[in-house]
Amino acid sequence: MIAERNLQSRWLAAYVRPKYEKKIIQKLADKQVEHYCPFTKVVRQWSDRKKVIEVPLFSGYIFVKITDKEMLKVREIDGVINFVYWLQRPAVIKEEEIDIIKMFLKEYDNVSIEKKHFSKNDIVRITGGPLLFQEGVITEVFNKTVKVDLPSLGYQMMATIDKDDLELLSKNVA
């Protein structure tokens, strides 16, 4: 069973030098390593103009879908620092969470993230939009902004979701 797990490719988060993401993406492509680095569009203000640029959603991280045997091939790339670990093992990112990030970025502009702070809140199911039927804990709601947990990453993504597109599954009883 453990030998099987080592041969199966799964998503891992590689910690990379900040501002090296695009260079490392090219090197991963050259080595034919499946990878994903989500980018979001942000408006940057200079003294004379504003410009929309693409920046990594998770600065300093790139997701790679590899087996245990391929980890060394990724670590050897200049700019890759290490993998993200949880309990002395590489933290495995669920395929569904990668898919949620992709859907989220496809549907929403100017997506931002913030480090997750744990708290007890209501459990909801999204009943409309690109995250249809996804369930999760809503940590904060401001007007129409909802934070959606991505447990494996320890981050939250923020997007505008109409409150009419949320169905209460379990009321917080804290």
N, C-alpha and C. Protein backbone atom coordinates (compact mmCIF):
# COMPACT_ATOMS: atom_id res chain seq x y z
N MET A 1 0.82 -1.19 0.00
CA MET A 1 0.00 0.00 0.00
C MET A 1 0.86 1.26 0.00
N ILE A 2 1.90 1.30 0.86
CA ILE A 2 2.79 2.46 0.90
C ILE A 2 3.56 2.57 -0.41
N ALA A 3 4.00 1.45 -0.96
CA ALA A 3 4.71 1.47 -2.24
C ALA A 3 3.80 2.02 -3.34
N GLU A 4 2.51 1.65 -3.31
CA GLU A 4 1.55 2.18 -4.29
C GLU A 4 1.44 3.69 -4.17
N ARG A 5 1.35 4.19 -2.92
CA ARG A 5 1.20 5.62 -2.69
C ARG A 5 2.40 6.38 -3.28
N ASN A 6 3.59 5.82 -3.14
CA ASN A 6 4.80 6.48 -3.64
C ASN A 6 4.81 6.59 -5.16
N LEU A 7 4.08 5.70 -5.85
CA LEU A 7 4.04 5.72 -7.31
C LEU A 7 2.92 6.59 -7.85
N GLN A 8 1.96 6.94 -7.02
CA GLN A 8 0.85 7.78 -7.46
C GLN A 8 1.25 9.24 -7.41
N SER A 9 0.92 9.95 -8.48
CA SER A 9 1.22 11.38 -8.46
C SER A 9 0.12 12.10 -7.70
N ARG A 10 0.54 13.11 -6.95
CA ARG A 10 -0.41 13.91 -6.18
C ARG A 10 0.13 15.32 -6.13
N TRP A 11 -0.77 16.24 -5.82
CA TRP A 11 -0.40 17.65 -5.79
C TRP A 11 0.33 17.97 -4.49
N LEU A 12 1.49 18.60 -4.65
CA LEU A 12 2.27 19.09 -3.51
C LEU A 12 2.52 20.57 -3.73
N ALA A 13 2.74 21.29 -2.66
CA ALA A 13 3.08 22.70 -2.76
C ALA A 13 4.59 22.85 -2.58
N ALA A 14 5.23 23.45 -3.57
CA ALA A 14 6.67 23.71 -3.49
C ALA A 14 6.87 25.17 -3.09
N TYR A 15 7.70 25.37 -2.08
CA TYR A 15 8.03 26.71 -1.65
C TYR A 15 9.20 27.19 -2.51
N VAL A 16 9.03 28.34 -3.16
CA VAL A 16 10.04 28.85 -4.09
C VAL A 16 10.44 30.27 -3.72
N ARG A 17 11.57 30.68 -4.26
CA ARG A 17 12.02 32.05 -4.01
C ARG A 17 10.97 33.03 -4.53
N PRO A 18 10.61 34.03 -3.74
CA PRO A 18 9.63 35.02 -4.20
C PRO A 18 10.10 35.69 -5.49
N LYS A 19 9.15 35.94 -6.35
CA LYS A 19 9.37 36.57 -7.66
C LYS A 19 10.09 35.66 -8.65
N TYR A 20 10.26 34.38 -8.32
CA TYR A 20 10.87 33.39 -9.21
C TYR A 20 9.84 32.46 -9.84
N GLU A 21 8.56 32.67 -9.51
CA GLU A 21 7.54 31.73 -9.93
C GLU A 21 7.54 31.48 -11.44
N LYS A 22 7.59 32.54 -12.24
CA LYS A 22 7.52 32.37 -13.70
C LYS A 22 8.76 31.64 -14.24
N LYS A 23 9.92 31.91 -13.68
CA LYS A 23 11.14 31.22 -14.11
C LYS A 23 11.05 29.73 -13.78
N ILE A 24 10.55 29.42 -12.60
CA ILE A 24 10.45 28.02 -12.18
C ILE A 24 9.39 27.28 -12.98
N ILE A 25 8.31 27.96 -13.32
CA ILE A 25 7.27 27.35 -14.17
C ILE A 25 7.89 26.89 -15.49
N GLN A 26 8.73 27.71 -16.08
CA GLN A 26 9.37 27.35 -17.34
C GLN A 26 10.29 26.14 -17.16
N LYS A 27 11.04 26.12 -16.06
CA LYS A 27 11.94 24.99 -15.80
C LYS A 27 11.15 23.71 -15.55
N LEU A 28 10.01 23.81 -14.87
CA LEU A 28 9.17 22.64 -14.65
C LEU A 28 8.61 22.12 -15.97
N ALA A 29 8.22 23.04 -16.85
CA ALA A 29 7.72 22.64 -18.17
C ALA A 29 8.82 21.95 -18.96
N ASP A 30 10.04 22.48 -18.89
CA ASP A 30 11.17 21.86 -19.60
C ASP A 30 11.42 20.43 -19.11
N LYS A 31 11.19 20.19 -17.81
CA LYS A 31 11.39 18.86 -17.24
C LYS A 31 10.13 18.00 -17.33
N GLN A 32 9.11 18.53 -17.99
CA GLN A 32 7.84 17.84 -18.18
C GLN A 32 7.19 17.44 -16.86
N VAL A 33 7.22 18.37 -15.90
CA VAL A 33 6.58 18.17 -14.61
C VAL A 33 5.25 18.92 -14.62
N GLU A 34 4.17 18.20 -14.31
CA GLU A 34 2.86 18.86 -14.26
C GLU A 34 2.86 19.85 -13.10
N HIS A 35 2.43 21.07 -13.39
CA HIS A 35 2.48 22.13 -12.39
C HIS A 35 1.30 23.07 -12.56
N TYR A 36 1.07 23.86 -11.52
CA TYR A 36 0.02 24.88 -11.55
C TYR A 36 0.43 26.01 -10.63
N CYS A 37 0.47 27.20 -11.17
CA CYS A 37 0.74 28.39 -10.38
C CYS A 37 -0.39 29.38 -10.69
N PRO A 38 -1.37 29.50 -9.79
CA PRO A 38 -2.49 30.40 -10.07
C PRO A 38 -2.06 31.86 -10.02
N PHE A 39 -2.50 32.61 -11.02
CA PHE A 39 -2.22 34.05 -11.09
C PHE A 39 -3.52 34.81 -10.98
N THR A 40 -3.46 35.99 -10.40
CA THR A 40 -4.60 36.89 -10.33
C THR A 40 -4.19 38.24 -10.88
N LYS A 41 -5.16 38.97 -11.39
CA LYS A 41 -4.89 40.29 -11.94
C LYS A 41 -5.11 41.34 -10.87
N VAL A 42 -4.14 42.23 -10.72
CA VAL A 42 -4.26 43.33 -9.76
C VAL A 42 -3.89 44.63 -10.44
N VAL A 43 -4.44 45.70 -9.92
CA VAL A 43 -4.13 47.03 -10.44
C VAL A 43 -3.01 47.60 -9.59
N ARG A 44 -1.94 48.00 -10.24
CA ARG A 44 -0.82 48.63 -9.55
C ARG A 44 -0.78 50.10 -9.94
N GLN A 45 -0.56 50.95 -8.97
CA GLN A 45 -0.53 52.39 -9.18
C GLN A 45 0.91 52.87 -9.19
N TRP A 46 1.30 53.53 -10.27
CA TRP A 46 2.57 54.22 -10.33
C TRP A 46 2.27 55.70 -10.26
N SER A 47 3.28 56.52 -10.14
CA SER A 47 3.05 57.95 -10.01
C SER A 47 2.35 58.55 -11.23
N ASP A 48 2.59 57.98 -12.40
CA ASP A 48 2.02 58.55 -13.63
C ASP A 48 0.91 57.71 -14.26
N ARG A 49 0.68 56.49 -13.77
CA ARG A 49 -0.32 55.64 -14.43
C ARG A 49 -0.72 54.46 -13.54
N LYS A 50 -1.80 53.81 -13.97
CA LYS A 50 -2.23 52.56 -13.36
C LYS A 50 -2.06 51.46 -14.39
N LYS A 51 -1.73 50.27 -13.92
CA LYS A 51 -1.54 49.16 -14.84
C LYS A 51 -2.08 47.88 -14.20
N VAL A 52 -2.74 47.05 -15.00
CA VAL A 52 -3.21 45.75 -14.54
C VAL A 52 -2.11 44.74 -14.83
N ILE A 53 -1.67 44.04 -13.79
CA ILE A 53 -0.61 43.04 -13.96
C ILE A 53 -1.07 41.73 -13.33
N GLU A 54 -0.44 40.63 -13.77
CA GLU A 54 -0.71 39.32 -13.18
C GLU A 54 0.35 39.01 -12.15
N VAL A 55 -0.11 38.61 -10.97
CA VAL A 55 0.80 38.22 -9.89
C VAL A 55 0.36 36.86 -9.36
N PRO A 56 1.30 36.08 -8.83
CA PRO A 56 0.91 34.79 -8.26
C PRO A 56 -0.07 34.98 -7.11
N LEU A 57 -1.12 34.16 -7.09
CA LEU A 57 -2.10 34.23 -6.01
C LEU A 57 -1.44 33.83 -4.69
N PHE A 58 -0.61 32.79 -4.73
CA PHE A 58 0.11 32.33 -3.55
C PHE A 58 1.59 32.67 -3.77
N SER A 59 1.98 33.85 -3.39
CA SER A 59 3.35 34.30 -3.62
C SER A 59 4.34 33.33 -2.94
N GLY A 60 5.29 32.86 -3.74
CA GLY A 60 6.31 31.96 -3.21
C GLY A 60 5.94 30.49 -3.23
N TYR A 61 4.82 30.14 -3.89
CA TYR A 61 4.40 28.74 -3.95
C TYR A 61 4.02 28.36 -5.37
N ILE A 62 4.34 27.13 -5.74
CA ILE A 62 3.91 26.54 -7.00
C ILE A 62 3.44 25.13 -6.67
N PHE A 63 2.33 24.71 -7.26
CA PHE A 63 1.81 23.37 -7.06
C PHE A 63 2.38 22.46 -8.14
N VAL A 64 2.83 21.27 -7.73
CA VAL A 64 3.34 20.29 -8.67
C VAL A 64 2.64 18.96 -8.42
N LYS A 65 2.31 18.27 -9.51
CA LYS A 65 1.67 16.95 -9.39
C LYS A 65 2.72 15.92 -9.74
N ILE A 66 3.25 15.27 -8.69
CA ILE A 66 4.39 14.37 -8.85
C ILE A 66 4.27 13.16 -7.94
N THR A 67 5.14 12.17 -8.20
CA THR A 67 5.28 11.02 -7.31
C THR A 67 6.43 11.32 -6.34
N ASP A 68 6.58 10.47 -5.34
CA ASP A 68 7.70 10.64 -4.40
C ASP A 68 9.04 10.61 -5.12
N LYS A 69 9.15 9.75 -6.14
CA LYS A 69 10.41 9.62 -6.88
C LYS A 69 10.77 10.89 -7.64
N GLU A 70 9.77 11.68 -8.01
CA GLU A 70 10.02 12.90 -8.78
C GLU A 70 10.34 14.11 -7.90
N MET A 71 10.25 13.96 -6.60
CA MET A 71 10.49 15.10 -5.71
C MET A 71 11.90 15.66 -5.87
N LEU A 72 12.88 14.78 -6.01
CA LEU A 72 14.26 15.25 -6.17
C LEU A 72 14.42 16.07 -7.45
N LYS A 73 13.76 15.64 -8.53
CA LYS A 73 13.83 16.36 -9.80
C LYS A 73 13.33 17.81 -9.64
N VAL A 74 12.31 17.99 -8.80
CA VAL A 74 11.78 19.34 -8.56
C VAL A 74 12.71 20.12 -7.63
N ARG A 75 13.19 19.47 -6.58
CA ARG A 75 14.08 20.15 -5.62
C ARG A 75 15.38 20.64 -6.27
N GLU A 76 15.82 19.97 -7.33
CA GLU A 76 17.07 20.35 -7.99
C GLU A 76 16.96 21.64 -8.79
N ILE A 77 15.75 22.10 -9.04
CA ILE A 77 15.55 23.32 -9.84
C ILE A 77 15.99 24.53 -9.02
N ASP A 78 16.83 25.35 -9.62
CA ASP A 78 17.30 26.57 -8.95
C ASP A 78 16.11 27.46 -8.63
N GLY A 79 15.98 27.83 -7.39
CA GLY A 79 14.87 28.69 -6.96
C GLY A 79 13.83 27.93 -6.16
N VAL A 80 13.81 26.60 -6.27
CA VAL A 80 12.90 25.79 -5.44
C VAL A 80 13.60 25.60 -4.09
N ILE A 81 12.94 26.02 -3.03
CA ILE A 81 13.54 25.93 -1.70
C ILE A 81 13.26 24.58 -1.07
N ASN A 82 11.98 24.19 -1.05
CA ASN A 82 11.60 22.91 -0.46
C ASN A 82 10.12 22.70 -0.71
N PHE A 83 9.60 21.61 -0.23
CA PHE A 83 8.16 21.36 -0.26
C PHE A 83 7.57 21.80 1.06
N VAL A 84 6.29 22.08 1.04
CA VAL A 84 5.58 22.41 2.27
C VAL A 84 5.31 21.09 2.98
N TYR A 85 5.64 21.03 4.25
CA TYR A 85 5.47 19.81 5.03
C TYR A 85 4.41 19.98 6.10
N TRP A 86 3.75 18.87 6.41
CA TRP A 86 2.77 18.81 7.49
C TRP A 86 3.02 17.49 8.22
N LEU A 87 3.34 17.55 9.50
CA LEU A 87 3.64 16.37 10.31
C LEU A 87 4.76 15.52 9.69
N GLN A 88 5.85 16.17 9.33
CA GLN A 88 7.05 15.56 8.75
C GLN A 88 6.82 14.86 7.41
N ARG A 89 5.73 15.12 6.73
CA ARG A 89 5.45 14.56 5.41
C ARG A 89 5.09 15.70 4.48
N PRO A 90 5.39 15.57 3.20
CA PRO A 90 4.96 16.62 2.27
C PRO A 90 3.44 16.79 2.33
N ALA A 91 2.99 18.02 2.44
CA ALA A 91 1.56 18.32 2.52
C ALA A 91 0.92 18.04 1.16
N VAL A 92 -0.05 17.15 1.14
CA VAL A 92 -0.74 16.79 -0.09
C VAL A 92 -1.95 17.70 -0.26
N ILE A 93 -2.05 18.30 -1.43
CA ILE A 93 -3.17 19.18 -1.76
C ILE A 93 -4.20 18.35 -2.53
N LYS A 94 -5.44 18.41 -2.11
CA LYS A 94 -6.49 17.63 -2.77
C LYS A 94 -6.73 18.16 -4.18
N GLU A 95 -6.95 17.23 -5.09
CA GLU A 95 -7.27 17.59 -6.49
C GLU A 95 -8.47 18.53 -6.54
N GLU A 96 -9.47 18.28 -5.67
CA GLU A 96 -10.67 19.13 -5.65
C GLU A 96 -10.33 20.57 -5.30
N GLU A 97 -9.35 20.76 -4.42
CA GLU A 97 -8.97 22.12 -4.04
C GLU A 97 -8.26 22.84 -5.17
N ILE A 98 -7.45 22.12 -5.93
CA ILE A 98 -6.82 22.71 -7.12
C ILE A 98 -7.91 23.11 -8.10
N ASP A 99 -8.91 22.23 -8.29
CA ASP A 99 -10.02 22.53 -9.19
C ASP A 99 -10.82 23.75 -8.71
N ILE A 100 -11.02 23.88 -7.40
CA ILE A 100 -11.75 25.02 -6.85
C ILE A 100 -10.99 26.31 -7.13
N ILE A 101 -9.67 26.27 -6.94
CA ILE A 101 -8.87 27.47 -7.22
C ILE A 101 -9.02 27.86 -8.69
N LYS A 102 -8.93 26.87 -9.59
CA LYS A 102 -9.06 27.15 -11.02
C LYS A 102 -10.42 27.74 -11.35
N MET A 103 -11.50 27.16 -10.80
CA MET A 103 -12.85 27.69 -11.03
C MET A 103 -12.99 29.09 -10.47
N PHE A 104 -12.49 29.28 -9.28
CA PHE A 104 -12.57 30.57 -8.59
C PHE A 104 -11.92 31.66 -9.44
N LEU A 105 -10.72 31.39 -9.93
CA LEU A 105 -9.99 32.38 -10.72
C LEU A 105 -10.61 32.60 -12.09
N LYS A 106 -11.25 31.58 -12.62
CA LYS A 106 -11.92 31.72 -13.92
C LYS A 106 -13.14 32.64 -13.80
N GLU A 107 -13.82 32.57 -12.67
CA GLU A 107 -15.08 33.31 -12.49
C GLU A 107 -14.88 34.72 -11.91
N TYR A 108 -13.89 34.88 -11.05
CA TYR A 108 -13.74 36.15 -10.32
C TYR A 108 -12.44 36.85 -10.69
N ASP A 109 -12.53 38.17 -10.76
CA ASP A 109 -11.35 39.01 -10.98
C ASP A 109 -10.85 39.54 -9.64
N ASN A 110 -9.61 39.94 -9.61
CA ASN A 110 -9.02 40.58 -8.44
C ASN A 110 -9.23 39.75 -7.18
N VAL A 111 -8.88 38.48 -7.24
CA VAL A 111 -8.99 37.57 -6.11
C VAL A 111 -7.81 37.82 -5.18
N SER A 112 -8.06 37.78 -3.90
CA SER A 112 -6.98 37.92 -2.93
C SER A 112 -7.07 36.79 -1.92
N ILE A 113 -5.99 36.57 -1.21
CA ILE A 113 -5.98 35.55 -0.16
C ILE A 113 -5.43 36.17 1.11
N GLU A 114 -5.72 35.50 2.19
CA GLU A 114 -5.09 35.89 3.46
C GLU A 114 -4.90 34.63 4.27
N LYS A 115 -3.92 34.65 5.14
CA LYS A 115 -3.65 33.49 5.98
C LYS A 115 -4.87 33.22 6.84
N LYS A 116 -5.19 31.95 6.97
CA LYS A 116 -6.40 31.53 7.66
C LYS A 116 -6.22 31.61 9.17
N HIS A 117 -7.25 32.13 9.83
CA HIS A 117 -7.32 32.14 11.29
C HIS A 117 -8.53 31.30 11.66
N PHE A 118 -8.36 30.29 12.46
CA PHE A 118 -9.44 29.36 12.77
C PHE A 118 -10.47 29.98 13.69
N SER A 119 -11.74 29.75 13.36
CA SER A 119 -12.85 30.16 14.21
C SER A 119 -14.06 29.33 13.86
N LYS A 120 -14.98 29.21 14.77
CA LYS A 120 -16.20 28.44 14.54
C LYS A 120 -17.26 29.34 13.92
N ASN A 121 -17.85 28.86 12.80
CA ASN A 121 -18.88 29.62 12.12
C ASN A 121 -19.90 28.69 11.49
N ASP A 122 -20.85 29.29 10.82
CA ASP A 122 -21.90 28.51 10.17
C ASP A 122 -21.34 27.69 9.02
N ILE A 123 -21.94 26.53 8.78
CA ILE A 123 -21.58 25.69 7.64
C ILE A 123 -22.62 25.95 6.56
N VAL A 124 -22.14 26.22 5.34
CA VAL A 124 -23.05 26.56 4.24
C VAL A 124 -22.74 25.73 3.01
N ARG A 125 -23.71 25.70 2.10
CA ARG A 125 -23.53 25.13 0.76
C ARG A 125 -23.81 26.25 -0.21
N ILE A 126 -22.95 26.40 -1.23
CA ILE A 126 -23.16 27.42 -2.24
C ILE A 126 -24.16 26.87 -3.25
N THR A 127 -25.21 27.64 -3.51
CA THR A 127 -26.31 27.16 -4.36
C THR A 127 -26.34 27.85 -5.72
N GLY A 128 -25.36 28.67 -6.02
CA GLY A 128 -25.31 29.32 -7.32
C GLY A 128 -23.90 29.74 -7.65
N GLY A 129 -23.62 29.97 -8.93
CA GLY A 129 -22.30 30.41 -9.35
C GLY A 129 -21.36 29.26 -9.62
N PRO A 130 -20.08 29.56 -9.85
CA PRO A 130 -19.11 28.54 -10.25
C PRO A 130 -18.77 27.55 -9.14
N LEU A 131 -19.04 27.88 -7.90
CA LEU A 131 -18.73 26.99 -6.79
C LEU A 131 -19.98 26.24 -6.33
N LEU A 132 -20.93 26.08 -7.25
CA LEU A 132 -22.20 25.42 -6.98
C LEU A 132 -21.99 24.10 -6.23
N PHE A 133 -22.75 23.93 -5.15
CA PHE A 133 -22.78 22.73 -4.30
C PHE A 133 -21.55 22.56 -3.41
N GLN A 134 -20.59 23.46 -3.47
CA GLN A 134 -19.45 23.36 -2.56
C GLN A 134 -19.93 23.69 -1.15
N GLU A 135 -19.41 22.97 -0.18
CA GLU A 135 -19.76 23.22 1.21
C GLU A 135 -18.53 23.72 1.93
N GLY A 136 -18.74 24.53 2.92
CA GLY A 136 -17.61 24.99 3.69
C GLY A 136 -18.04 25.84 4.86
N VAL A 137 -17.07 26.23 5.61
CA VAL A 137 -17.29 27.10 6.75
C VAL A 137 -17.04 28.53 6.31
N ILE A 138 -18.01 29.37 6.49
CA ILE A 138 -17.86 30.78 6.17
C ILE A 138 -17.30 31.46 7.40
N THR A 139 -16.11 31.99 7.27
CA THR A 139 -15.47 32.59 8.44
C THR A 139 -15.87 34.04 8.63
N GLU A 140 -16.19 34.74 7.54
CA GLU A 140 -16.64 36.12 7.64
C GLU A 140 -17.52 36.47 6.46
N VAL A 141 -18.50 37.32 6.69
CA VAL A 141 -19.35 37.80 5.62
C VAL A 141 -19.49 39.30 5.79
N PHE A 142 -19.06 40.06 4.79
CA PHE A 142 -19.22 41.51 4.77
C PHE A 142 -20.02 41.85 3.52
N ASN A 143 -21.20 42.38 3.70
CA ASN A 143 -22.08 42.67 2.56
C ASN A 143 -22.18 41.42 1.69
N LYS A 144 -21.39 41.36 0.62
CA LYS A 144 -21.44 40.20 -0.27
C LYS A 144 -20.11 39.48 -0.38
N THR A 145 -19.13 39.82 0.42
CA THR A 145 -17.82 39.16 0.36
C THR A 145 -17.78 37.98 1.32
N VAL A 146 -17.42 36.82 0.80
CA VAL A 146 -17.40 35.60 1.59
C VAL A 146 -16.00 35.00 1.52
N LYS A 147 -15.49 34.53 2.63
CA LYS A 147 -14.20 33.84 2.65
C LYS A 147 -14.45 32.35 2.63
N VAL A 148 -13.80 31.64 1.68
CA VAL A 148 -13.99 30.22 1.50
C VAL A 148 -12.73 29.48 1.94
N ASP A 149 -12.87 28.54 2.87
CA ASP A 149 -11.72 27.79 3.38
C ASP A 149 -11.17 26.81 2.35
N LEU A 150 -9.85 26.71 2.29
CA LEU A 150 -9.14 25.66 1.55
C LEU A 150 -8.28 24.94 2.59
N PRO A 151 -8.83 23.95 3.25
CA PRO A 151 -8.17 23.35 4.42
C PRO A 151 -6.75 22.84 4.20
N SER A 152 -6.46 22.20 3.10
CA SER A 152 -5.13 21.63 2.90
C SER A 152 -4.05 22.69 2.80
N LEU A 153 -4.42 23.87 2.32
CA LEU A 153 -3.44 24.93 2.13
C LEU A 153 -3.32 25.84 3.34
N GLY A 154 -4.34 25.88 4.18
CA GLY A 154 -4.32 26.79 5.31
C GLY A 154 -4.55 28.22 4.90
N TYR A 155 -5.23 28.42 3.79
CA TYR A 155 -5.54 29.76 3.30
C TYR A 155 -7.03 29.90 3.08
N GLN A 156 -7.46 31.13 2.90
CA GLN A 156 -8.82 31.42 2.51
C GLN A 156 -8.77 32.26 1.25
N MET A 157 -9.75 32.04 0.36
CA MET A 157 -9.88 32.89 -0.81
C MET A 157 -11.10 33.77 -0.58
N MET A 158 -11.05 34.98 -1.10
CA MET A 158 -12.18 35.89 -0.95
C MET A 158 -12.77 36.19 -2.32
N ALA A 159 -14.08 36.20 -2.38
CA ALA A 159 -14.76 36.57 -3.61
C ALA A 159 -16.13 37.11 -3.25
N THR A 160 -16.74 37.79 -4.19
CA THR A 160 -18.07 38.30 -3.98
C THR A 160 -19.07 37.23 -4.39
N ILE A 161 -19.82 36.75 -3.43
CA ILE A 161 -20.85 35.75 -3.67
C ILE A 161 -22.15 36.31 -3.10
N ASP A 162 -23.19 36.36 -3.90
CA ASP A 162 -24.48 36.86 -3.47
C ASP A 162 -25.00 35.99 -2.33
N LYS A 163 -25.46 36.62 -1.25
CA LYS A 163 -25.97 35.87 -0.11
C LYS A 163 -27.14 34.99 -0.50
N ASP A 164 -27.85 35.35 -1.56
CA ASP A 164 -28.96 34.52 -2.05
C ASP A 164 -28.46 33.20 -2.60
N ASP A 165 -27.16 33.11 -2.90
CA ASP A 165 -26.57 31.89 -3.44
C ASP A 165 -25.98 31.01 -2.34
N LEU A 166 -26.35 31.27 -1.08
CA LEU A 166 -25.87 30.46 0.04
C LEU A 166 -27.05 29.81 0.75
N GLU A 167 -26.87 28.57 1.14
CA GLU A 167 -27.89 27.83 1.87
C GLU A 167 -27.28 27.41 3.21
N LEU A 168 -27.94 27.76 4.32
CA LEU A 168 -27.45 27.41 5.64
C LEU A 168 -27.65 25.92 5.88
N LEU A 169 -26.56 25.22 6.21
CA LEU A 169 -26.64 23.79 6.52
C LEU A 169 -26.62 23.54 8.01
N SER A 170 -25.83 24.32 8.74
CA SER A 170 -25.71 24.13 10.17
C SER A 170 -25.41 25.46 10.83
N LYS A 171 -26.21 25.83 11.79
CA LYS A 171 -26.03 27.11 12.49
C LYS A 171 -24.93 26.99 13.52
N ASN A 172 -24.07 28.01 13.59
CA ASN A 172 -23.01 28.07 14.58
C ASN A 172 -23.64 28.17 15.97
N VAL A 173 -23.24 27.27 16.87
CA VAL A 173 -23.77 27.27 18.22
C VAL A 173 -22.61 27.44 19.20
N ALA A 174 -21.89 28.55 19.04
CA ALA A 174 -20.70 28.75 19.89
C ALA A 174 -21.04 29.46 21.17
